[in-house]
Amino acid sequence: MPRYAVLLRGINLGRAKRVAMADLRALLEDAGYPAARTHLNSGNVVLTGENADPVEHAGRIEDAIHARLGTQVRCAVLTADELRAVVEGNPFAGVADNGSRMMAHVYLRPIDPALVAGHPPVPQDPERARVGDRAVYQWCPDGLMAAPDIGPYIRIHLHTDVTTRNWNTITKLAELI
């Protein structure tokens, strides 16, 4: 059975949408995902699932969370190959020297490849943000809070929502998968 990385959006940030990782693992195993392994306390999971479209898995996981916890949580599900492609596609690999300040804004759902092909730098942060096939990469040398907010640009021009992870988390999930 294939392995997937699941990135839940917006859980355990402050007091919002609190989910214990043990409860999340149990919920996922009950939903048919054996060997679910969480990383950190912010909704990062590596799991095994049937060979299916990651979008189908995302919908199934979102429904299971809503049914069990009564909360709406969206997620991105990536295959092992998609996650490796995110890591290998980092245009700032030679520049970003602090994994906690290198961000991957991962698309909740894959986007139209035509939107990515030949895409110029993100205008709000042209020196440090690039559109990729499965994520927008943003190098934030002064930290994410000091970086330009590119979220509205992603929603308007790429027609998707994202969940953001730092590079340390992305590369750790790639190791775990």
N, C-alpha and C. Protein backbone atom coordinates (compact mmCIF):
# COMPACT_ATOMS: atom_id res chain seq x y z
N MET A 1 0.85 -1.19 0.00
CA MET A 1 0.00 0.00 0.00
C MET A 1 0.89 1.24 0.00
N PRO A 2 0.49 2.26 -0.75
CA PRO A 2 1.31 3.48 -0.83
C PRO A 2 1.27 4.31 0.45
N ARG A 3 2.30 5.13 0.59
CA ARG A 3 2.40 6.05 1.72
C ARG A 3 2.04 7.45 1.25
N TYR A 4 1.46 8.22 2.17
CA TYR A 4 1.03 9.58 1.89
C TYR A 4 1.44 10.49 3.04
N ALA A 5 1.68 11.75 2.71
CA ALA A 5 1.86 12.78 3.72
C ALA A 5 0.57 13.58 3.77
N VAL A 6 0.08 13.83 4.96
CA VAL A 6 -1.15 14.59 5.17
C VAL A 6 -0.78 15.83 5.97
N LEU A 7 -1.15 16.99 5.45
CA LEU A 7 -0.89 18.27 6.13
C LEU A 7 -2.24 18.89 6.45
N LEU A 8 -2.61 18.86 7.72
CA LEU A 8 -3.88 19.44 8.14
C LEU A 8 -3.72 20.94 8.31
N ARG A 9 -4.71 21.67 7.85
CA ARG A 9 -4.63 23.13 7.87
C ARG A 9 -5.30 23.69 9.12
N GLY A 10 -4.52 24.49 9.85
CA GLY A 10 -5.09 25.31 10.91
C GLY A 10 -5.44 24.62 12.20
N ILE A 11 -4.87 23.44 12.48
CA ILE A 11 -5.16 22.84 13.78
C ILE A 11 -4.04 23.19 14.76
N ASN A 12 -4.41 23.24 16.04
CA ASN A 12 -3.48 23.47 17.14
C ASN A 12 -2.68 24.76 16.99
N LEU A 13 -3.31 25.77 16.43
CA LEU A 13 -2.71 27.10 16.38
C LEU A 13 -3.39 27.92 17.46
N GLY A 14 -2.65 28.20 18.52
CA GLY A 14 -3.27 28.86 19.66
C GLY A 14 -4.32 27.94 20.27
N ARG A 15 -5.50 28.47 20.50
CA ARG A 15 -6.58 27.66 21.10
C ARG A 15 -7.55 27.11 20.06
N ALA A 16 -7.30 27.42 18.79
CA ALA A 16 -8.23 27.02 17.74
C ALA A 16 -8.05 25.56 17.34
N LYS A 17 -9.14 24.89 17.12
CA LYS A 17 -9.16 23.53 16.58
C LYS A 17 -8.12 22.63 17.23
N ARG A 18 -8.23 22.47 18.54
CA ARG A 18 -7.29 21.63 19.27
C ARG A 18 -7.57 20.16 18.96
N VAL A 19 -6.53 19.45 18.54
CA VAL A 19 -6.65 18.03 18.24
C VAL A 19 -5.42 17.34 18.81
N ALA A 20 -5.64 16.41 19.72
CA ALA A 20 -4.52 15.63 20.26
C ALA A 20 -4.03 14.67 19.17
N MET A 21 -2.72 14.55 19.06
CA MET A 21 -2.17 13.71 18.00
C MET A 21 -2.53 12.24 18.18
N ALA A 22 -2.65 11.78 19.42
CA ALA A 22 -3.08 10.40 19.64
C ALA A 22 -4.51 10.19 19.12
N ASP A 23 -5.37 11.18 19.35
CA ASP A 23 -6.75 11.10 18.84
C ASP A 23 -6.77 11.13 17.32
N LEU A 24 -5.91 11.96 16.73
CA LEU A 24 -5.83 12.03 15.27
C LEU A 24 -5.37 10.70 14.69
N ARG A 25 -4.35 10.10 15.28
CA ARG A 25 -3.87 8.80 14.79
C ARG A 25 -4.97 7.75 14.89
N ALA A 26 -5.68 7.72 16.01
CA ALA A 26 -6.76 6.74 16.19
C ALA A 26 -7.88 6.98 15.17
N LEU A 27 -8.23 8.22 14.97
CA LEU A 27 -9.27 8.58 14.00
C LEU A 27 -8.87 8.11 12.60
N LEU A 28 -7.62 8.35 12.22
CA LEU A 28 -7.16 7.96 10.89
C LEU A 28 -7.12 6.44 10.74
N GLU A 29 -6.68 5.76 11.76
CA GLU A 29 -6.65 4.29 11.69
C GLU A 29 -8.06 3.74 11.59
N ASP A 30 -9.01 4.32 12.33
CA ASP A 30 -10.42 3.90 12.24
C ASP A 30 -11.00 4.18 10.86
N ALA A 31 -10.47 5.20 10.17
CA ALA A 31 -10.95 5.56 8.83
C ALA A 31 -10.28 4.72 7.74
N GLY A 32 -9.44 3.78 8.15
CA GLY A 32 -8.84 2.88 7.16
C GLY A 32 -7.42 3.21 6.76
N TYR A 33 -6.73 4.00 7.60
CA TYR A 33 -5.35 4.38 7.30
C TYR A 33 -4.43 3.79 8.37
N PRO A 34 -3.93 2.58 8.13
CA PRO A 34 -3.04 1.97 9.12
C PRO A 34 -1.68 2.65 9.14
N ALA A 35 -1.00 2.46 10.22
CA ALA A 35 0.37 2.95 10.39
C ALA A 35 0.46 4.47 10.28
N ALA A 36 -0.54 5.18 10.81
CA ALA A 36 -0.49 6.64 10.81
C ALA A 36 0.54 7.10 11.83
N ARG A 37 1.44 7.97 11.39
CA ARG A 37 2.48 8.50 12.27
C ARG A 37 2.44 10.02 12.20
N THR A 38 2.30 10.67 13.36
CA THR A 38 2.25 12.13 13.39
C THR A 38 3.66 12.68 13.62
N HIS A 39 3.83 13.90 13.16
CA HIS A 39 5.09 14.62 13.38
C HIS A 39 4.74 15.99 13.93
N LEU A 40 5.28 16.31 15.08
CA LEU A 40 4.98 17.54 15.81
C LEU A 40 3.51 17.55 16.22
N ASN A 41 3.03 18.69 16.67
CA ASN A 41 1.66 18.79 17.17
C ASN A 41 0.81 19.68 16.28
N SER A 42 1.21 19.81 15.03
CA SER A 42 0.50 20.77 14.17
C SER A 42 -0.12 20.15 12.94
N GLY A 43 -0.47 18.88 13.01
CA GLY A 43 -1.22 18.28 11.93
C GLY A 43 -0.40 17.79 10.77
N ASN A 44 0.71 17.14 11.05
CA ASN A 44 1.54 16.52 10.03
C ASN A 44 1.50 15.02 10.25
N VAL A 45 1.10 14.29 9.22
CA VAL A 45 0.92 12.85 9.37
C VAL A 45 1.51 12.16 8.14
N VAL A 46 2.14 11.03 8.38
CA VAL A 46 2.53 10.13 7.31
C VAL A 46 1.74 8.85 7.56
N LEU A 47 1.08 8.35 6.52
CA LEU A 47 0.23 7.18 6.70
C LEU A 47 0.24 6.31 5.46
N THR A 48 -0.33 5.14 5.62
CA THR A 48 -0.50 4.19 4.53
C THR A 48 -1.96 4.19 4.14
N GLY A 49 -2.22 4.13 2.83
CA GLY A 49 -3.60 4.10 2.36
C GLY A 49 -3.69 3.37 1.04
N GLU A 50 -4.90 3.07 0.66
CA GLU A 50 -5.09 2.38 -0.62
C GLU A 50 -4.61 3.27 -1.76
N ASN A 51 -4.29 2.65 -2.87
CA ASN A 51 -3.82 3.39 -4.03
C ASN A 51 -5.01 4.13 -4.64
N ALA A 52 -5.06 5.43 -4.39
CA ALA A 52 -6.17 6.27 -4.88
C ALA A 52 -5.65 7.69 -5.07
N ASP A 53 -6.46 8.48 -5.73
CA ASP A 53 -6.12 9.88 -5.93
C ASP A 53 -5.99 10.56 -4.58
N PRO A 54 -4.91 11.33 -4.36
CA PRO A 54 -4.75 12.02 -3.08
C PRO A 54 -5.93 12.95 -2.75
N VAL A 55 -6.60 13.49 -3.74
CA VAL A 55 -7.76 14.35 -3.49
C VAL A 55 -8.89 13.53 -2.85
N GLU A 56 -9.05 12.28 -3.29
CA GLU A 56 -10.04 11.40 -2.66
C GLU A 56 -9.69 11.15 -1.20
N HIS A 57 -8.41 10.89 -0.94
CA HIS A 57 -7.98 10.68 0.45
C HIS A 57 -8.22 11.95 1.28
N ALA A 58 -7.92 13.11 0.72
CA ALA A 58 -8.14 14.36 1.45
C ALA A 58 -9.61 14.50 1.85
N GLY A 59 -10.51 14.26 0.92
CA GLY A 59 -11.94 14.35 1.22
C GLY A 59 -12.36 13.36 2.29
N ARG A 60 -11.84 12.15 2.20
CA ARG A 60 -12.17 11.11 3.17
C ARG A 60 -11.66 11.49 4.57
N ILE A 61 -10.45 12.03 4.64
CA ILE A 61 -9.88 12.43 5.92
C ILE A 61 -10.63 13.62 6.50
N GLU A 62 -10.93 14.60 5.67
CA GLU A 62 -11.70 15.76 6.13
C GLU A 62 -13.06 15.34 6.66
N ASP A 63 -13.73 14.41 5.97
CA ASP A 63 -15.04 13.91 6.43
C ASP A 63 -14.91 13.16 7.75
N ALA A 64 -13.86 12.36 7.91
CA ALA A 64 -13.67 11.60 9.14
C ALA A 64 -13.42 12.53 10.32
N ILE A 65 -12.64 13.58 10.10
CA ILE A 65 -12.38 14.55 11.17
C ILE A 65 -13.67 15.26 11.56
N HIS A 66 -14.44 15.66 10.56
CA HIS A 66 -15.70 16.34 10.85
C HIS A 66 -16.66 15.42 11.61
N ALA A 67 -16.76 14.17 11.17
CA ALA A 67 -17.68 13.23 11.81
C ALA A 67 -17.27 12.94 13.26
N ARG A 68 -15.98 12.80 13.52
CA ARG A 68 -15.52 12.43 14.86
C ARG A 68 -15.38 13.63 15.77
N LEU A 69 -14.85 14.75 15.23
CA LEU A 69 -14.52 15.89 16.09
C LEU A 69 -15.48 17.06 15.94
N GLY A 70 -16.34 17.01 14.91
CA GLY A 70 -17.30 18.09 14.71
C GLY A 70 -16.68 19.39 14.23
N THR A 71 -15.50 19.32 13.68
CA THR A 71 -14.83 20.53 13.21
C THR A 71 -14.43 20.37 11.74
N GLN A 72 -14.46 21.48 11.03
CA GLN A 72 -14.05 21.49 9.63
C GLN A 72 -12.54 21.74 9.57
N VAL A 73 -11.83 20.78 9.04
CA VAL A 73 -10.38 20.90 8.85
C VAL A 73 -10.07 20.45 7.44
N ARG A 74 -9.45 21.33 6.68
CA ARG A 74 -9.03 20.96 5.32
C ARG A 74 -7.62 20.42 5.37
N CYS A 75 -7.27 19.62 4.39
CA CYS A 75 -5.93 19.06 4.38
C CYS A 75 -5.42 18.88 2.96
N ALA A 76 -4.11 18.85 2.87
CA ALA A 76 -3.41 18.50 1.63
C ALA A 76 -2.89 17.09 1.81
N VAL A 77 -3.08 16.26 0.83
CA VAL A 77 -2.53 14.91 0.84
C VAL A 77 -1.60 14.80 -0.35
N LEU A 78 -0.37 14.39 -0.08
CA LEU A 78 0.64 14.25 -1.13
C LEU A 78 1.16 12.82 -1.15
N THR A 79 1.37 12.31 -2.35
CA THR A 79 2.04 11.02 -2.48
C THR A 79 3.51 11.20 -2.11
N ALA A 80 4.20 10.09 -1.93
CA ALA A 80 5.64 10.17 -1.65
C ALA A 80 6.36 10.87 -2.80
N ASP A 81 5.97 10.57 -4.03
CA ASP A 81 6.61 11.22 -5.18
C ASP A 81 6.34 12.72 -5.21
N GLU A 82 5.10 13.11 -4.87
CA GLU A 82 4.78 14.55 -4.85
C GLU A 82 5.58 15.27 -3.78
N LEU A 83 5.71 14.65 -2.62
CA LEU A 83 6.48 15.28 -1.54
C LEU A 83 7.96 15.39 -1.92
N ARG A 84 8.51 14.34 -2.52
CA ARG A 84 9.90 14.41 -2.98
C ARG A 84 10.06 15.50 -4.03
N ALA A 85 9.08 15.65 -4.92
CA ALA A 85 9.15 16.70 -5.95
C ALA A 85 9.12 18.09 -5.31
N VAL A 86 8.37 18.26 -4.23
CA VAL A 86 8.37 19.55 -3.51
C VAL A 86 9.77 19.82 -2.99
N VAL A 87 10.39 18.83 -2.38
CA VAL A 87 11.74 19.01 -1.83
C VAL A 87 12.73 19.30 -2.95
N GLU A 88 12.69 18.52 -4.01
CA GLU A 88 13.65 18.69 -5.11
C GLU A 88 13.41 19.98 -5.90
N GLY A 89 12.19 20.50 -5.86
CA GLY A 89 11.86 21.69 -6.63
C GLY A 89 12.15 23.01 -5.94
N ASN A 90 12.74 22.98 -4.77
CA ASN A 90 13.00 24.20 -4.01
C ASN A 90 13.97 25.11 -4.77
N PRO A 91 13.49 26.25 -5.27
CA PRO A 91 14.37 27.14 -6.02
C PRO A 91 15.33 27.93 -5.15
N PHE A 92 15.17 27.86 -3.84
CA PHE A 92 16.03 28.61 -2.92
C PHE A 92 16.97 27.70 -2.14
N ALA A 93 17.14 26.47 -2.60
CA ALA A 93 17.96 25.50 -1.89
C ALA A 93 19.39 26.01 -1.67
N GLY A 94 19.92 26.75 -2.62
CA GLY A 94 21.28 27.25 -2.48
C GLY A 94 21.40 28.53 -1.68
N VAL A 95 20.26 29.11 -1.33
CA VAL A 95 20.25 30.41 -0.63
C VAL A 95 19.73 30.28 0.79
N ALA A 96 18.65 29.55 0.95
CA ALA A 96 17.99 29.43 2.26
C ALA A 96 18.86 28.62 3.20
N ASP A 97 19.38 29.27 4.22
CA ASP A 97 20.31 28.61 5.13
C ASP A 97 19.70 28.34 6.51
N ASN A 98 18.39 28.52 6.63
CA ASN A 98 17.70 28.28 7.89
C ASN A 98 16.35 27.66 7.57
N GLY A 99 16.23 26.36 7.84
CA GLY A 99 15.01 25.63 7.49
C GLY A 99 13.76 26.15 8.17
N SER A 100 13.89 26.81 9.30
CA SER A 100 12.71 27.35 9.98
C SER A 100 12.20 28.62 9.30
N ARG A 101 12.98 29.17 8.38
CA ARG A 101 12.59 30.40 7.69
C ARG A 101 12.35 30.20 6.20
N MET A 102 12.47 28.98 5.76
CA MET A 102 12.13 28.62 4.38
C MET A 102 10.76 27.98 4.42
N MET A 103 9.80 28.55 3.67
CA MET A 103 8.41 28.09 3.74
C MET A 103 7.98 27.41 2.45
N ALA A 104 7.15 26.40 2.62
CA ALA A 104 6.46 25.77 1.49
C ALA A 104 4.97 25.97 1.76
N HIS A 105 4.33 26.76 0.91
CA HIS A 105 2.88 26.97 0.98
C HIS A 105 2.28 25.90 0.07
N VAL A 106 1.90 24.77 0.66
CA VAL A 106 1.47 23.59 -0.09
C VAL A 106 0.00 23.73 -0.48
N TYR A 107 -0.27 23.51 -1.77
CA TYR A 107 -1.65 23.60 -2.27
C TYR A 107 -2.51 22.51 -1.64
N LEU A 108 -3.70 22.89 -1.19
CA LEU A 108 -4.60 21.88 -0.63
C LEU A 108 -5.05 20.89 -1.70
N ARG A 109 -5.18 21.37 -2.90
CA ARG A 109 -5.52 20.52 -4.05
C ARG A 109 -4.56 20.89 -5.18
N PRO A 110 -4.21 19.93 -6.02
CA PRO A 110 -3.33 20.27 -7.15
C PRO A 110 -3.97 21.36 -8.00
N ILE A 111 -3.11 22.18 -8.61
CA ILE A 111 -3.62 23.26 -9.45
C ILE A 111 -3.36 22.96 -10.91
N ASP A 112 -4.01 23.71 -11.77
CA ASP A 112 -3.86 23.58 -13.21
C ASP A 112 -2.40 23.82 -13.59
N PRO A 113 -1.75 22.86 -14.24
CA PRO A 113 -0.34 23.05 -14.62
C PRO A 113 -0.11 24.29 -15.48
N ALA A 114 -1.12 24.74 -16.22
CA ALA A 114 -0.98 25.94 -17.03
C ALA A 114 -0.75 27.18 -16.17
N LEU A 115 -1.24 27.16 -14.93
CA LEU A 115 -1.02 28.29 -14.03
C LEU A 115 0.42 28.35 -13.54
N VAL A 116 1.09 27.21 -13.54
CA VAL A 116 2.45 27.13 -13.04
C VAL A 116 3.47 27.38 -14.16
N ALA A 117 3.19 26.88 -15.34
CA ALA A 117 4.14 26.95 -16.45
C ALA A 117 4.57 28.39 -16.73
N GLY A 118 5.85 28.61 -16.61
CA GLY A 118 6.39 29.93 -16.90
C GLY A 118 5.91 31.03 -15.99
N HIS A 119 5.44 30.68 -14.81
CA HIS A 119 4.89 31.68 -13.90
C HIS A 119 6.00 32.63 -13.43
N PRO A 120 5.74 33.92 -13.47
CA PRO A 120 6.75 34.87 -12.99
C PRO A 120 6.84 34.81 -11.46
N PRO A 121 7.87 35.46 -10.90
CA PRO A 121 7.95 35.53 -9.43
C PRO A 121 6.68 36.17 -8.85
N VAL A 122 6.38 35.83 -7.63
CA VAL A 122 5.20 36.38 -6.95
C VAL A 122 5.44 37.87 -6.72
N PRO A 123 4.55 38.75 -7.23
CA PRO A 123 4.80 40.19 -7.16
C PRO A 123 4.95 40.76 -5.76
N GLN A 124 4.29 40.19 -4.76
CA GLN A 124 4.39 40.72 -3.40
C GLN A 124 5.77 40.45 -2.78
N ASP A 125 6.50 39.48 -3.33
CA ASP A 125 7.81 39.11 -2.81
C ASP A 125 8.66 38.56 -3.96
N PRO A 126 8.94 39.39 -4.97
CA PRO A 126 9.56 38.89 -6.21
C PRO A 126 10.96 38.30 -6.04
N GLU A 127 11.69 38.73 -5.05
CA GLU A 127 13.04 38.19 -4.85
C GLU A 127 13.04 36.86 -4.10
N ARG A 128 11.93 36.58 -3.36
CA ARG A 128 11.98 35.44 -2.45
C ARG A 128 10.79 34.50 -2.53
N ALA A 129 9.93 34.62 -3.52
CA ALA A 129 8.78 33.71 -3.63
C ALA A 129 8.63 33.23 -5.07
N ARG A 130 8.48 31.91 -5.22
CA ARG A 130 8.34 31.30 -6.54
C ARG A 130 7.22 30.27 -6.51
N VAL A 131 6.49 30.21 -7.61
CA VAL A 131 5.41 29.25 -7.78
C VAL A 131 5.99 27.93 -8.28
N GLY A 132 5.62 26.85 -7.62
CA GLY A 132 6.03 25.51 -8.03
C GLY A 132 4.83 24.66 -8.37
N ASP A 133 5.08 23.44 -8.79
CA ASP A 133 4.00 22.54 -9.21
C ASP A 133 3.02 22.18 -8.09
N ARG A 134 3.51 22.05 -6.86
CA ARG A 134 2.64 21.61 -5.76
C ARG A 134 2.68 22.54 -4.56
N ALA A 135 3.54 23.61 -4.68
CA ALA A 135 3.67 24.55 -3.57
C ALA A 135 4.25 25.86 -4.08
N VAL A 136 4.02 26.91 -3.32
CA VAL A 136 4.72 28.17 -3.53
C VAL A 136 5.82 28.20 -2.49
N TYR A 137 7.02 28.46 -2.95
CA TYR A 137 8.20 28.51 -2.08
C TYR A 137 8.45 29.96 -1.69
N GLN A 138 8.75 30.18 -0.41
CA GLN A 138 9.04 31.54 0.05
C GLN A 138 10.18 31.50 1.06
N TRP A 139 11.25 32.17 0.72
CA TRP A 139 12.40 32.31 1.61
C TRP A 139 12.16 33.55 2.45
N CYS A 140 12.12 33.37 3.76
CA CYS A 140 11.80 34.45 4.70
C CYS A 140 12.98 34.63 5.66
N PRO A 141 14.06 35.28 5.22
CA PRO A 141 15.27 35.37 6.05
C PRO A 141 15.04 36.08 7.38
N ASP A 142 14.04 36.94 7.46
CA ASP A 142 13.74 37.64 8.70
C ASP A 142 12.55 37.02 9.44
N GLY A 143 12.11 35.85 9.01
CA GLY A 143 10.97 35.16 9.61
C GLY A 143 9.69 35.38 8.83
N LEU A 144 8.76 34.47 8.97
CA LEU A 144 7.50 34.53 8.23
C LEU A 144 6.68 35.76 8.58
N MET A 145 6.69 36.17 9.85
CA MET A 145 5.88 37.32 10.25
C MET A 145 6.38 38.62 9.61
N ALA A 146 7.65 38.68 9.26
CA ALA A 146 8.21 39.88 8.63
C ALA A 146 8.13 39.82 7.11
N ALA A 147 7.77 38.68 6.55
CA ALA A 147 7.72 38.50 5.10
C ALA A 147 6.40 39.03 4.54
N PRO A 148 6.40 39.42 3.26
CA PRO A 148 5.14 39.84 2.64
C PRO A 148 4.12 38.70 2.65
N ASP A 149 2.86 39.04 2.87
CA ASP A 149 1.77 38.07 2.87
C ASP A 149 1.42 37.74 1.43
N ILE A 150 1.69 36.52 1.02
CA ILE A 150 1.39 36.12 -0.36
C ILE A 150 0.13 35.27 -0.46
N GLY A 151 -0.54 35.05 0.68
CA GLY A 151 -1.76 34.25 0.70
C GLY A 151 -2.85 34.75 -0.24
N PRO A 152 -3.19 36.05 -0.20
CA PRO A 152 -4.22 36.54 -1.12
C PRO A 152 -3.85 36.34 -2.59
N TYR A 153 -2.58 36.52 -2.92
CA TYR A 153 -2.14 36.30 -4.30
C TYR A 153 -2.37 34.84 -4.72
N ILE A 154 -2.03 33.92 -3.83
CA ILE A 154 -2.20 32.50 -4.13
C ILE A 154 -3.68 32.18 -4.37
N ARG A 155 -4.55 32.68 -3.50
CA ARG A 155 -5.98 32.40 -3.65
C ARG A 155 -6.54 33.01 -4.93
N ILE A 156 -6.16 34.23 -5.25
CA ILE A 156 -6.74 34.94 -6.41
C ILE A 156 -6.14 34.45 -7.73
N HIS A 157 -4.82 34.31 -7.78
CA HIS A 157 -4.18 34.00 -9.06
C HIS A 157 -3.97 32.51 -9.32
N LEU A 158 -3.84 31.72 -8.27
CA LEU A 158 -3.64 30.29 -8.46
C LEU A 158 -4.91 29.50 -8.13
N HIS A 159 -5.93 30.18 -7.64
CA HIS A 159 -7.25 29.59 -7.39
C HIS A 159 -7.21 28.40 -6.43
N THR A 160 -6.44 28.56 -5.35
CA THR A 160 -6.35 27.48 -4.38
C THR A 160 -6.06 28.05 -3.00
N ASP A 161 -6.26 27.22 -2.01
CA ASP A 161 -5.84 27.53 -0.65
C ASP A 161 -4.61 26.70 -0.35
N VAL A 162 -3.87 27.11 0.65
CA VAL A 162 -2.64 26.41 1.01
C VAL A 162 -2.59 26.14 2.50
N THR A 163 -1.68 25.27 2.87
CA THR A 163 -1.29 25.11 4.26
C THR A 163 0.23 25.24 4.26
N THR A 164 0.75 26.01 5.17
CA THR A 164 2.16 26.37 5.15
C THR A 164 2.96 25.58 6.18
N ARG A 165 4.10 25.09 5.73
CA ARG A 165 5.04 24.40 6.60
C ARG A 165 6.43 24.95 6.37
N ASN A 166 7.24 24.94 7.43
CA ASN A 166 8.63 25.35 7.22
C ASN A 166 9.40 24.18 6.62
N TRP A 167 10.58 24.50 6.14
CA TRP A 167 11.37 23.51 5.40
C TRP A 167 11.83 22.36 6.28
N ASN A 168 12.08 22.62 7.56
CA ASN A 168 12.45 21.54 8.48
C ASN A 168 11.35 20.48 8.52
N THR A 169 10.11 20.92 8.58
CA THR A 169 8.97 19.99 8.63
C THR A 169 8.83 19.25 7.31
N ILE A 170 8.93 19.96 6.20
CA ILE A 170 8.79 19.34 4.88
C ILE A 170 9.84 18.25 4.69
N THR A 171 11.07 18.56 5.00
CA THR A 171 12.13 17.56 4.78
C THR A 171 12.02 16.39 5.77
N LYS A 172 11.56 16.65 6.98
CA LYS A 172 11.36 15.55 7.93
C LYS A 172 10.25 14.63 7.44
N LEU A 173 9.16 15.19 6.94
CA LEU A 173 8.08 14.35 6.40
C LEU A 173 8.58 13.53 5.21
N ALA A 174 9.43 14.12 4.38
CA ALA A 174 9.98 13.38 3.24
C ALA A 174 10.84 12.22 3.73
N GLU A 175 11.54 12.38 4.83
CA GLU A 175 12.30 11.28 5.42
C GLU A 175 11.38 10.19 5.95
N LEU A 176 10.30 10.61 6.61
CA LEU A 176 9.39 9.67 7.24
C LEU A 176 8.57 8.86 6.24
N ILE A 177 8.28 9.47 5.12
CA ILE A 177 7.41 8.80 4.14
C ILE A 177 8.14 7.65 3.47
